[in-house]
Structures are given as structure tokens and as C-alpha cells.
Amino acid sequence: MTTRKKSVKKASTRKQASRNIFERFDESFVAVPFKVANKTFLAGLGLMVVTGKEFGKRFDKYAKDGETVRRQIRKSFDEIRKDLIVVKKDVKEVGNDVREGFKKAA
């Protein structure tokens, strides 16, 4: 080899040696799927963060709404219980009246 070829070869070898493996890999056709996978992973990570923040903001509101609904349901059940107590008393009175009527008729 001539001196010129040796110096050109040494210069290009030094240039490649100064770049790390990732820089050399970055120019490869194999790097494209890895870049896409990395972007997809980072996008998913970002989406998770945004979703977490939004859920955190809305969580308290949902909890308050749930508490309101629970209070309304309890109120409805309490009203139904009161109505059932009244109906039960009425049924007992009617039953007592029927028994008294049978006793008098017998």
C-alpha cells in the first residue's frame, strides 16, 4: 500500500473509532425499527403520565359525585323503610281486626 492509502485508511478508522457504537448504529437500516419502538415506548409513557394527571384532577370530582349518589340512595332506602314500617303496622291492625271479628263471630 502506498503511504497515502495508509493515511486515508487510518483517518477513516480513527473517525469511526471516535464515534461510539450508538452513533454508528444510528446510520444503519437496522436502527429504524428500534427508533420506532423507542418512540412508541416514549409515547406510551407520556400517555400514561397525561392520563394519570387527568385522572388525578377528576378523581376527587368523581368521588364527590359518588358520595352524592350514595346519599340519595340511602335517603330512598330510608323512605322505603319508613313506608314499610307503616304498612307493617297497618297489616297488623287489619289482622287484629280480623281476629277480633272471628272471635266475635264464633
C-alpha atoms as a PDB file:
ATOM      1  CA  MET A   1       0.000   0.000   0.000  1.00  0.00           C
ATOM      2  CA  THR A   2       1.104   3.476  -0.597  1.00  0.00           C
ATOM      3  CA  THR A   3       1.558   5.966   2.167  1.00  0.00           C
ATOM      4  CA  ARG A   4      -1.421   7.975   1.003  1.00  0.00           C
ATOM      5  CA  LYS A   5      -3.772   4.972   1.161  1.00  0.00           C
ATOM      6  CA  LYS A   6      -2.471   4.084   4.602  1.00  0.00           C
ATOM      7  CA  SER A   7      -3.081   7.598   5.921  1.00  0.00           C
ATOM      8  CA  VAL A   8      -6.608   7.726   4.429  1.00  0.00           C
ATOM      9  CA  LYS A   9      -7.377   4.320   5.899  1.00  0.00           C
ATOM     10  CA  LYS A  10      -6.007   5.362   9.303  1.00  0.00           C
ATOM     11  CA  ALA A  11      -8.006   8.618   9.221  1.00  0.00           C
ATOM     12  CA  SER A  12     -11.271   6.856   8.440  1.00  0.00           C
ATOM     13  CA  THR A  13     -10.542   4.203  11.100  1.00  0.00           C
ATOM     14  CA  ARG A  14      -9.830   6.922  13.659  1.00  0.00           C
ATOM     15  CA  LYS A  15     -13.003   8.735  12.648  1.00  0.00           C
ATOM     16  CA  GLN A  16     -15.067   5.570  13.149  1.00  0.00           C
ATOM     17  CA  ALA A  17     -13.295   4.762  16.389  1.00  0.00           C
ATOM     18  CA  SER A  18     -14.113   8.208  17.774  1.00  0.00           C
ATOM     19  CA  ARG A  19     -17.843   7.525  17.270  1.00  0.00           C
ATOM     20  CA  ASN A  20     -19.485   5.256  19.790  1.00  0.00           C
ATOM     21  CA  ILE A  21     -21.477   2.176  18.859  1.00  0.00           C
ATOM     22  CA  PHE A  22     -24.782   4.041  19.051  1.00  0.00           C
ATOM     23  CA  GLU A  23     -23.642   6.682  16.592  1.00  0.00           C
ATOM     24  CA  ARG A  24     -22.512   4.005  14.139  1.00  0.00           C
ATOM     25  CA  PHE A  25     -25.711   2.017  14.712  1.00  0.00           C
ATOM     26  CA  ASP A  26     -27.801   5.155  14.131  1.00  0.00           C
ATOM     27  CA  GLU A  27     -26.927   5.183  10.448  1.00  0.00           C
ATOM     28  CA  SER A  28     -27.796   1.513   9.951  1.00  0.00           C
ATOM     29  CA  PHE A  29     -31.019   0.252   8.359  1.00  0.00           C
ATOM     30  CA  VAL A  30     -31.481  -1.893  11.459  1.00  0.00           C
ATOM     31  CA  ALA A  31     -31.870   1.243  13.573  1.00  0.00           C
ATOM     32  CA  VAL A  32     -35.257   2.194  12.082  1.00  0.00           C
ATOM     33  CA  PRO A  33     -37.385  -0.426  13.917  1.00  0.00           C
ATOM     34  CA  PHE A  34     -35.554   0.358  17.150  1.00  0.00           C
ATOM     35  CA  LYS A  35     -36.214   4.062  16.699  1.00  0.00           C
ATOM     36  CA  VAL A  36     -39.904   3.358  16.076  1.00  0.00           C
ATOM     37  CA  ALA A  37     -40.075   1.046  19.087  1.00  0.00           C
ATOM     38  CA  ASN A  38     -38.352   3.633  21.264  1.00  0.00           C
ATOM     39  CA  LYS A  39     -40.705   6.395  20.100  1.00  0.00           C
ATOM     40  CA  THR A  40     -43.693   4.145  20.700  1.00  0.00           C
ATOM     41  CA  PHE A  41     -42.470   3.328  24.196  1.00  0.00           C
ATOM     42  CA  LEU A  42     -41.892   7.012  24.982  1.00  0.00           C
ATOM     43  CA  ALA A  43     -45.313   7.932  23.595  1.00  0.00           C
ATOM     44  CA  GLY A  44     -46.922   5.278  25.793  1.00  0.00           C
ATOM     45  CA  LEU A  45     -45.015   6.570  28.787  1.00  0.00           C
ATOM     46  CA  GLY A  46     -46.144  10.121  28.029  1.00  0.00           C
ATOM     47  CA  LEU A  47     -49.738   8.984  27.600  1.00  0.00           C
ATOM     48  CA  MET A  48     -49.573   7.229  30.957  1.00  0.00           C
ATOM     49  CA  VAL A  49     -48.356  10.433  32.623  1.00  0.00           C
ATOM     50  CA  VAL A  50     -51.058  12.570  30.992  1.00  0.00           C
ATOM     51  CA  THR A  51     -53.740  10.024  31.874  1.00  0.00           C
ATOM     52  CA  GLY A  52     -52.513   9.921  35.456  1.00  0.00           C
ATOM     53  CA  LYS A  53     -52.626  13.692  35.762  1.00  0.00           C
ATOM     54  CA  GLU A  54     -56.093  13.925  34.222  1.00  0.00           C
ATOM     55  CA  PHE A  55     -57.381  11.095  36.399  1.00  0.00           C
ATOM     56  CA  GLY A  56     -55.902  12.795  39.462  1.00  0.00           C
ATOM     57  CA  LYS A  57     -57.721  16.009  38.609  1.00  0.00           C
ATOM     58  CA  ARG A  58     -61.035  14.241  38.040  1.00  0.00           C
ATOM     59  CA  PHE A  59     -60.736  11.655  40.818  1.00  0.00           C
ATOM     60  CA  ASP A  60     -61.967  14.000  43.557  1.00  0.00           C
ATOM     61  CA  LYS A  61     -64.899  15.117  41.431  1.00  0.00           C
ATOM     62  CA  TYR A  62     -65.885  11.509  40.745  1.00  0.00           C
ATOM     63  CA  ALA A  63     -65.621  10.698  44.451  1.00  0.00           C
ATOM     64  CA  LYS A  64     -67.895  13.646  45.332  1.00  0.00           C
ATOM     65  CA  ASP A  65     -70.405  12.595  42.673  1.00  0.00           C
ATOM     66  CA  GLY A  66     -70.340   9.049  44.027  1.00  0.00           C
ATOM     67  CA  GLU A  67     -70.949  10.291  47.559  1.00  0.00           C
ATOM     68  CA  THR A  68     -73.929  12.333  46.339  1.00  0.00           C
ATOM     69  CA  VAL A  69     -75.432   9.293  44.626  1.00  0.00           C
ATOM     70  CA  ARG A  70     -74.868   7.161  47.740  1.00  0.00           C
ATOM     71  CA  ARG A  71     -76.646   9.758  49.905  1.00  0.00           C
ATOM     72  CA  GLN A  72     -79.597   9.813  47.501  1.00  0.00           C
ATOM     73  CA  ILE A  73     -79.844   6.022  47.512  1.00  0.00           C
ATOM     74  CA  ARG A  74     -79.667   5.875  51.314  1.00  0.00           C
ATOM     75  CA  LYS A  75     -82.363   8.532  51.533  1.00  0.00           C
ATOM     76  CA  SER A  76     -84.569   6.489  49.187  1.00  0.00           C
ATOM     77  CA  PHE A  77     -83.984   3.330  51.236  1.00  0.00           C
ATOM     78  CA  ASP A  78     -84.800   5.183  54.456  1.00  0.00           C
ATOM     79  CA  GLU A  79     -88.064   6.412  52.941  1.00  0.00           C
ATOM     80  CA  ILE A  80     -88.917   2.893  51.778  1.00  0.00           C
ATOM     81  CA  ARG A  81     -88.162   1.514  55.265  1.00  0.00           C
ATOM     82  CA  LYS A  82     -90.452   4.108  56.843  1.00  0.00           C
ATOM     83  CA  ASP A  83     -93.189   3.234  54.374  1.00  0.00           C
ATOM     84  CA  LEU A  84     -92.719  -0.472  55.101  1.00  0.00           C
ATOM     85  CA  ILE A  85     -92.986   0.151  58.843  1.00  0.00           C
ATOM     86  CA  VAL A  86     -96.281   1.981  58.281  1.00  0.00           C
ATOM     87  CA  VAL A  87     -97.559  -0.802  56.021  1.00  0.00           C
ATOM     88  CA  LYS A  88     -96.496  -3.433  58.569  1.00  0.00           C
ATOM     89  CA  LYS A  89     -98.400  -1.597  61.306  1.00  0.00           C
ATOM     90  CA  ASP A  90    -101.465  -1.341  59.068  1.00  0.00           C
ATOM     91  CA  VAL A  91    -101.287  -5.061  58.254  1.00  0.00           C
ATOM     92  CA  LYS A  92    -101.027  -5.910  61.966  1.00  0.00           C
ATOM     93  CA  GLU A  93    -104.026  -3.726  62.745  1.00  0.00           C
ATOM     94  CA  VAL A  94    -106.067  -5.308  59.963  1.00  0.00           C
ATOM     95  CA  GLY A  95    -105.006  -8.775  61.163  1.00  0.00           C
ATOM     96  CA  ASN A  96    -106.002  -7.911  64.722  1.00  0.00           C
ATOM     97  CA  ASP A  97    -109.337  -6.572  63.487  1.00  0.00           C
ATOM     98  CA  VAL A  98    -109.949  -9.777  61.510  1.00  0.00           C
ATOM     99  CA  ARG A  99    -109.079 -11.939  64.540  1.00  0.00           C
ATOM    100  CA  GLU A 100    -111.401  -9.888  66.730  1.00  0.00           C
ATOM    101  CA  GLY A 101    -114.148 -10.235  64.147  1.00  0.00           C
ATOM    102  CA  PHE A 102    -113.683 -14.035  64.030  1.00  0.00           C
ATOM    103  CA  LYS A 103    -113.678 -14.203  67.819  1.00  0.00           C
ATOM    104  CA  LYS A 104    -116.937 -12.249  67.990  1.00  0.00           C
ATOM    105  CA  ALA A 105    -118.481 -14.332  65.204  1.00  0.00           C
ATOM    106  CA  ALA A 106    -117.541 -17.597  66.845  1.00  0.00           C
END
